[in-house]
């Protein structure tokens, strides 16, 4: 499974950005996908995740009400709509996917945000000033 992100950039506080992630390879095996971010000097943290089969979503408290994760099954693409961006949202954002039992936490809404998914993209930078 290969993941390619796009859509990062620089924006002023209060603005919006939309990230996209296109999986390829054996993408049909993916059970859940997520967005993670890592700021300089900080650990990678989960932002949002989605269970592909049901579309169930879960979010980190820091982004609830501002970010929306979605999928377009026809385009086989994952999105992260980011609104009301804050300077503290500045980070490298990564798309990730998994096909193991870890995804059950996404479905149940008990996802910890731990960066332990099996497949990762290269990341796209988001800078909010």
N, C-alpha and C. Protein backbone atom coordinates (compact mmCIF):
# COMPACT_ATOMS: atom_id res chain seq x y z
N UNK A 1 0.85 -1.20 0.00
CA UNK A 1 0.00 0.00 0.00
C UNK A 1 0.89 1.25 0.00
N UNK A 2 0.64 2.13 -0.95
CA UNK A 2 1.35 3.40 -0.99
C UNK A 2 0.34 4.53 -0.78
N UNK A 3 0.78 5.56 -0.07
CA UNK A 3 -0.09 6.69 0.23
C UNK A 3 0.59 7.98 -0.20
N UNK A 4 -0.14 8.82 -0.90
CA UNK A 4 0.42 10.09 -1.37
C UNK A 4 -0.51 11.21 -0.91
N UNK A 5 0.06 12.13 -0.10
CA UNK A 5 -0.72 13.26 0.38
C UNK A 5 -0.52 14.47 -0.52
N UNK A 6 -1.49 15.37 -0.48
CA UNK A 6 -1.38 16.65 -1.18
C UNK A 6 -2.28 17.65 -0.48
N UNK A 7 -2.05 18.94 -0.78
CA UNK A 7 -2.95 19.96 -0.27
C UNK A 7 -2.41 20.81 0.86
N UNK A 8 -1.22 20.54 1.33
CA UNK A 8 -0.66 21.36 2.38
C UNK A 8 -0.30 22.75 1.87
N UNK A 9 0.11 23.62 2.78
CA UNK A 9 0.52 24.96 2.39
C UNK A 9 0.52 25.90 3.58
N UNK A 10 0.58 27.18 3.28
CA UNK A 10 0.59 28.20 4.32
C UNK A 10 -0.71 28.97 4.29
N UNK A 11 -1.22 29.29 5.47
CA UNK A 11 -2.49 29.99 5.57
C UNK A 11 -2.48 30.83 6.83
N UNK A 12 -3.26 31.88 6.83
CA UNK A 12 -3.37 32.71 8.02
C UNK A 12 -4.34 32.07 9.01
N UNK A 13 -4.16 32.43 10.27
CA UNK A 13 -5.04 31.93 11.32
C UNK A 13 -6.49 32.25 10.98
N UNK A 14 -7.35 31.25 11.18
CA UNK A 14 -8.75 31.40 10.84
C UNK A 14 -9.09 30.87 9.46
N UNK A 15 -8.07 30.60 8.67
CA UNK A 15 -8.29 30.12 7.32
C UNK A 15 -8.54 28.63 7.25
N UNK A 16 -8.62 28.12 6.01
CA UNK A 16 -8.94 26.71 5.78
C UNK A 16 -7.97 26.10 4.78
N UNK A 17 -7.80 24.79 4.91
CA UNK A 17 -7.05 24.00 3.95
C UNK A 17 -7.71 22.63 3.86
N UNK A 18 -7.55 21.98 2.71
CA UNK A 18 -8.04 20.61 2.57
C UNK A 18 -6.90 19.72 2.11
N UNK A 19 -6.64 18.70 2.89
CA UNK A 19 -5.63 17.72 2.53
C UNK A 19 -6.29 16.53 1.84
N UNK A 20 -5.55 15.92 0.92
CA UNK A 20 -6.03 14.73 0.23
C UNK A 20 -5.00 13.63 0.35
N UNK A 21 -5.48 12.40 0.30
CA UNK A 21 -4.60 11.24 0.38
C UNK A 21 -5.13 10.18 -0.56
N UNK A 22 -4.29 9.74 -1.47
CA UNK A 22 -4.70 8.73 -2.44
C UNK A 22 -3.90 7.46 -2.22
N UNK A 23 -4.56 6.39 -1.77
CA UNK A 23 -3.86 5.13 -1.61
C UNK A 23 -3.77 4.38 -2.93
N UNK A 24 -2.71 3.61 -3.08
CA UNK A 24 -2.56 2.77 -4.25
C UNK A 24 -1.93 1.46 -3.82
N UNK A 25 -1.74 0.58 -4.77
CA UNK A 25 -1.25 -0.75 -4.43
C UNK A 25 -2.42 -1.60 -3.99
N UNK A 26 -2.24 -2.41 -2.94
CA UNK A 26 -3.30 -3.29 -2.46
C UNK A 26 -4.23 -2.50 -1.54
N UNK A 27 -4.81 -1.40 -2.08
CA UNK A 27 -5.63 -0.50 -1.28
C UNK A 27 -6.93 -1.13 -0.82
N UNK A 28 -7.40 -2.15 -1.52
CA UNK A 28 -8.66 -2.79 -1.15
C UNK A 28 -8.57 -3.45 0.22
N UNK A 29 -7.37 -3.72 0.69
CA UNK A 29 -7.21 -4.39 1.97
C UNK A 29 -7.26 -3.43 3.16
N UNK A 30 -7.26 -2.13 2.88
CA UNK A 30 -7.25 -1.13 3.95
C UNK A 30 -8.57 -1.16 4.72
N UNK A 31 -8.51 -1.18 6.03
CA UNK A 31 -9.70 -1.19 6.88
C UNK A 31 -9.97 0.19 7.47
N UNK A 32 -8.92 0.89 7.86
CA UNK A 32 -9.11 2.23 8.40
C UNK A 32 -7.98 3.14 7.92
N UNK A 33 -8.25 4.43 7.93
CA UNK A 33 -7.26 5.42 7.53
C UNK A 33 -7.31 6.57 8.52
N UNK A 34 -6.19 7.28 8.59
CA UNK A 34 -6.16 8.39 9.53
C UNK A 34 -5.22 9.48 9.10
N UNK A 35 -5.37 10.61 9.76
CA UNK A 35 -4.46 11.73 9.60
C UNK A 35 -3.73 11.94 10.92
N UNK A 36 -2.44 12.11 10.81
CA UNK A 36 -1.60 12.37 11.97
C UNK A 36 -0.80 13.64 11.69
N UNK A 37 -0.24 14.21 12.74
CA UNK A 37 0.60 15.38 12.54
C UNK A 37 1.76 15.35 13.54
N UNK A 38 2.83 16.01 13.12
CA UNK A 38 4.00 16.08 13.98
C UNK A 38 4.62 17.45 13.86
N UNK A 39 4.65 18.16 14.97
CA UNK A 39 5.29 19.46 15.02
C UNK A 39 6.74 19.28 15.48
N UNK A 40 7.61 20.23 15.16
CA UNK A 40 9.02 20.11 15.57
C UNK A 40 9.15 19.90 17.07
N UNK A 41 9.91 18.89 17.45
CA UNK A 41 10.15 18.62 18.85
C UNK A 41 9.04 17.91 19.57
N UNK A 42 7.99 17.54 18.84
CA UNK A 42 6.86 16.86 19.47
C UNK A 42 6.65 15.48 18.86
N UNK A 43 5.93 14.64 19.58
CA UNK A 43 5.62 13.32 19.07
C UNK A 43 4.52 13.41 18.02
N UNK A 44 4.51 12.42 17.13
CA UNK A 44 3.45 12.34 16.14
C UNK A 44 2.14 11.98 16.86
N UNK A 45 1.08 12.69 16.51
CA UNK A 45 -0.19 12.47 17.18
C UNK A 45 -1.31 12.27 16.16
N UNK A 46 -2.29 11.49 16.54
CA UNK A 46 -3.43 11.27 15.69
C UNK A 46 -4.37 12.46 15.71
N UNK A 47 -4.87 12.83 14.56
CA UNK A 47 -5.78 13.97 14.42
C UNK A 47 -7.20 13.49 14.16
N UNK A 48 -7.35 12.58 13.21
CA UNK A 48 -8.67 12.08 12.84
C UNK A 48 -8.50 10.74 12.15
N UNK A 49 -9.52 9.91 12.25
CA UNK A 49 -9.46 8.61 11.60
C UNK A 49 -10.85 8.21 11.12
N UNK A 50 -10.87 7.31 10.16
CA UNK A 50 -12.13 6.86 9.59
C UNK A 50 -12.07 5.35 9.35
N UNK A 51 -13.18 4.67 9.66
CA UNK A 51 -13.31 3.24 9.40
C UNK A 51 -13.95 3.12 8.03
N UNK A 52 -13.25 2.55 7.08
CA UNK A 52 -13.67 2.63 5.68
C UNK A 52 -15.02 1.97 5.43
N UNK A 53 -15.26 0.87 6.05
CA UNK A 53 -16.49 0.13 5.73
C UNK A 53 -17.76 0.85 6.12
N UNK A 54 -17.73 1.56 7.26
CA UNK A 54 -18.94 2.22 7.76
C UNK A 54 -18.88 3.73 7.63
N UNK A 55 -17.68 4.27 7.42
CA UNK A 55 -17.54 5.72 7.39
C UNK A 55 -17.50 6.32 8.78
N UNK A 56 -17.43 5.50 9.83
CA UNK A 56 -17.35 6.02 11.19
C UNK A 56 -16.08 6.81 11.38
N UNK A 57 -16.19 7.94 12.05
CA UNK A 57 -15.05 8.82 12.23
C UNK A 57 -14.78 9.10 13.71
N UNK A 58 -13.56 9.49 13.98
CA UNK A 58 -13.18 9.86 15.33
C UNK A 58 -12.12 10.94 15.26
N UNK A 59 -12.08 11.83 16.26
CA UNK A 59 -11.21 12.99 16.21
C UNK A 59 -10.48 13.20 17.54
N UNK A 60 -9.32 13.82 17.44
CA UNK A 60 -8.64 14.29 18.64
C UNK A 60 -9.42 15.49 19.18
N UNK A 61 -9.42 15.63 20.50
CA UNK A 61 -10.17 16.73 21.11
C UNK A 61 -9.74 18.10 20.59
N UNK A 62 -8.47 18.23 20.26
CA UNK A 62 -7.92 19.52 19.84
C UNK A 62 -8.45 20.00 18.50
N UNK A 63 -9.06 19.10 17.72
CA UNK A 63 -9.53 19.50 16.39
C UNK A 63 -11.03 19.30 16.22
N UNK A 64 -11.70 18.77 17.22
CA UNK A 64 -13.15 18.53 17.11
C UNK A 64 -13.87 19.84 16.82
N UNK A 65 -14.77 19.77 15.85
CA UNK A 65 -15.54 20.95 15.48
C UNK A 65 -14.85 21.83 14.46
N UNK A 66 -13.57 21.56 14.19
CA UNK A 66 -12.82 22.36 13.21
C UNK A 66 -12.36 21.53 12.02
N UNK A 67 -12.02 20.28 12.26
CA UNK A 67 -11.53 19.41 11.19
C UNK A 67 -12.60 18.36 10.87
N UNK A 68 -12.63 17.97 9.59
CA UNK A 68 -13.55 16.92 9.16
C UNK A 68 -12.81 15.94 8.26
N UNK A 69 -12.85 14.67 8.64
CA UNK A 69 -12.25 13.63 7.81
C UNK A 69 -13.37 12.97 7.01
N UNK A 70 -13.08 12.70 5.74
CA UNK A 70 -14.08 12.08 4.89
C UNK A 70 -13.39 11.24 3.82
N UNK A 71 -14.18 10.43 3.16
CA UNK A 71 -13.65 9.61 2.08
C UNK A 71 -14.57 9.67 0.88
N UNK A 72 -13.97 9.60 -0.28
CA UNK A 72 -14.71 9.54 -1.52
C UNK A 72 -14.41 8.16 -2.11
N UNK A 73 -15.34 7.27 -1.96
CA UNK A 73 -15.09 5.89 -2.39
C UNK A 73 -14.91 5.79 -3.90
N UNK A 74 -15.62 6.63 -4.65
CA UNK A 74 -15.50 6.59 -6.11
C UNK A 74 -14.09 6.99 -6.55
N UNK A 75 -13.51 7.95 -5.83
CA UNK A 75 -12.16 8.42 -6.18
C UNK A 75 -11.09 7.73 -5.35
N UNK A 76 -11.53 6.87 -4.42
CA UNK A 76 -10.57 6.17 -3.55
C UNK A 76 -9.63 7.16 -2.88
N UNK A 77 -10.21 8.23 -2.34
CA UNK A 77 -9.41 9.31 -1.77
C UNK A 77 -9.91 9.65 -0.37
N UNK A 78 -8.96 9.95 0.50
CA UNK A 78 -9.25 10.40 1.86
C UNK A 78 -9.00 11.89 1.93
N UNK A 79 -9.84 12.60 2.67
CA UNK A 79 -9.70 14.04 2.80
C UNK A 79 -9.63 14.45 4.27
N UNK A 80 -9.02 15.59 4.50
CA UNK A 80 -9.09 16.23 5.81
C UNK A 80 -9.37 17.71 5.55
N UNK A 81 -10.59 18.13 5.83
CA UNK A 81 -10.96 19.53 5.72
C UNK A 81 -10.62 20.20 7.04
N UNK A 82 -9.78 21.22 6.98
CA UNK A 82 -9.33 21.91 8.18
C UNK A 82 -9.82 23.35 8.13
N UNK A 83 -10.69 23.70 9.04
CA UNK A 83 -11.24 25.06 9.13
C UNK A 83 -10.82 25.70 10.45
N UNK A 84 -10.96 27.01 10.51
CA UNK A 84 -10.61 27.76 11.72
C UNK A 84 -9.22 27.39 12.21
N UNK A 85 -8.28 27.36 11.30
CA UNK A 85 -6.93 26.93 11.63
C UNK A 85 -6.27 27.88 12.62
N UNK A 86 -5.45 27.30 13.49
CA UNK A 86 -4.74 28.05 14.51
C UNK A 86 -3.24 27.84 14.32
N UNK A 87 -2.43 28.76 14.81
CA UNK A 87 -0.97 28.58 14.70
C UNK A 87 -0.50 27.25 15.29
N UNK A 88 -1.16 26.77 16.32
CA UNK A 88 -0.76 25.50 16.93
C UNK A 88 -1.09 24.29 16.06
N UNK A 89 -1.79 24.50 14.96
CA UNK A 89 -2.04 23.41 14.02
C UNK A 89 -0.86 23.23 13.06
N UNK A 90 0.12 24.12 13.13
CA UNK A 90 1.29 24.03 12.26
C UNK A 90 2.04 22.74 12.54
N UNK A 91 2.25 21.94 11.48
CA UNK A 91 2.90 20.65 11.63
C UNK A 91 3.04 20.00 10.26
N UNK A 92 3.79 18.91 10.22
CA UNK A 92 3.79 18.03 9.07
C UNK A 92 2.62 17.08 9.26
N UNK A 93 1.77 16.98 8.27
CA UNK A 93 0.60 16.12 8.35
C UNK A 93 0.83 14.86 7.51
N UNK A 94 0.50 13.73 8.11
CA UNK A 94 0.71 12.44 7.46
C UNK A 94 -0.62 11.69 7.31
N UNK A 95 -0.77 11.07 6.18
CA UNK A 95 -1.86 10.14 5.95
C UNK A 95 -1.34 8.74 6.30
N UNK A 96 -2.17 7.94 6.93
CA UNK A 96 -1.77 6.59 7.29
C UNK A 96 -2.94 5.64 7.12
N UNK A 97 -2.61 4.37 6.97
CA UNK A 97 -3.64 3.35 6.78
C UNK A 97 -3.27 2.08 7.52
N UNK A 98 -4.28 1.30 7.82
CA UNK A 98 -4.03 0.02 8.49
C UNK A 98 -5.10 -0.97 8.09
N UNK A 99 -4.77 -2.24 8.24
CA UNK A 99 -5.75 -3.27 7.92
C UNK A 99 -5.82 -4.34 9.00
N UNK A 100 -5.37 -3.96 10.20
CA UNK A 100 -5.34 -4.92 11.29
C UNK A 100 -6.46 -4.66 12.29
N UNK A 101 -6.45 -5.43 13.38
CA UNK A 101 -7.45 -5.27 14.43
C UNK A 101 -7.35 -3.92 15.14
N UNK A 102 -6.24 -3.21 14.91
CA UNK A 102 -6.13 -1.86 15.50
C UNK A 102 -7.30 -0.99 15.07
N UNK A 103 -7.82 -1.26 13.88
CA UNK A 103 -8.89 -0.42 13.34
C UNK A 103 -10.18 -0.54 14.15
N UNK A 104 -10.31 -1.57 14.94
CA UNK A 104 -11.52 -1.74 15.75
C UNK A 104 -11.73 -0.55 16.69
N UNK A 105 -10.65 0.04 17.15
CA UNK A 105 -10.78 1.20 18.06
C UNK A 105 -11.36 2.40 17.32
N UNK A 106 -11.08 2.50 16.05
CA UNK A 106 -11.65 3.60 15.25
C UNK A 106 -13.16 3.39 15.13
N UNK A 107 -13.55 2.15 14.87
CA UNK A 107 -14.97 1.83 14.72
C UNK A 107 -15.72 2.06 16.03
N UNK A 108 -15.09 1.69 17.16
CA UNK A 108 -15.77 1.81 18.46
C UNK A 108 -15.67 3.21 19.04
N UNK A 109 -14.87 4.07 18.46
CA UNK A 109 -14.70 5.42 19.00
C UNK A 109 -13.75 5.47 20.17
N UNK A 110 -12.91 4.47 20.32
CA UNK A 110 -11.96 4.43 21.43
C UNK A 110 -10.52 4.60 20.94
N UNK A 111 -10.35 5.09 19.76
CA UNK A 111 -9.03 5.28 19.18
C UNK A 111 -8.20 6.23 20.02
N UNK A 112 -6.95 5.82 20.29
CA UNK A 112 -6.09 6.62 21.14
C UNK A 112 -5.32 7.68 20.38
N UNK A 113 -5.26 7.55 19.05
CA UNK A 113 -4.46 8.48 18.28
C UNK A 113 -3.00 8.08 18.20
N UNK A 114 -2.70 6.92 18.73
CA UNK A 114 -1.32 6.45 18.70
C UNK A 114 -0.87 6.23 17.26
N UNK A 115 0.34 6.64 16.95
CA UNK A 115 0.86 6.58 15.58
C UNK A 115 1.42 5.19 15.28
N UNK A 116 0.53 4.19 15.27
CA UNK A 116 0.99 2.82 15.07
C UNK A 116 0.35 2.15 13.86
N UNK A 117 -0.17 2.96 12.92
CA UNK A 117 -0.72 2.39 11.71
C UNK A 117 0.41 1.78 10.88
N UNK A 118 0.07 0.86 10.00
CA UNK A 118 1.08 0.11 9.27
C UNK A 118 1.63 0.77 8.03
N UNK A 119 0.89 1.68 7.43
CA UNK A 119 1.30 2.28 6.16
C UNK A 119 1.23 3.80 6.28
N UNK A 120 2.25 4.46 5.74
CA UNK A 120 2.38 5.90 5.91
C UNK A 120 2.74 6.60 4.61
N UNK A 121 2.23 7.82 4.46
CA UNK A 121 2.65 8.67 3.37
C UNK A 121 3.88 9.46 3.77
N UNK A 122 4.35 10.30 2.86
CA UNK A 122 5.56 11.08 3.10
C UNK A 122 5.30 12.35 3.90
N UNK A 123 4.06 12.77 3.94
CA UNK A 123 3.72 13.96 4.71
C UNK A 123 3.59 15.20 3.85
N UNK A 124 2.80 16.13 4.34
CA UNK A 124 2.63 17.43 3.69
C UNK A 124 2.60 18.50 4.76
N UNK A 125 3.34 19.59 4.53
CA UNK A 125 3.50 20.62 5.55
C UNK A 125 2.31 21.57 5.57
N UNK A 126 1.84 21.86 6.78
CA UNK A 126 0.81 22.86 6.99
C UNK A 126 1.37 23.91 7.94
N UNK A 127 1.35 25.17 7.50
CA UNK A 127 1.87 26.26 8.31
C UNK A 127 0.77 27.31 8.49
N UNK A 128 0.48 27.64 9.74
CA UNK A 128 -0.55 28.61 10.06
C UNK A 128 0.10 29.77 10.80
N UNK A 129 -0.06 30.97 10.27
CA UNK A 129 0.59 32.13 10.89
C UNK A 129 -0.42 33.18 11.31
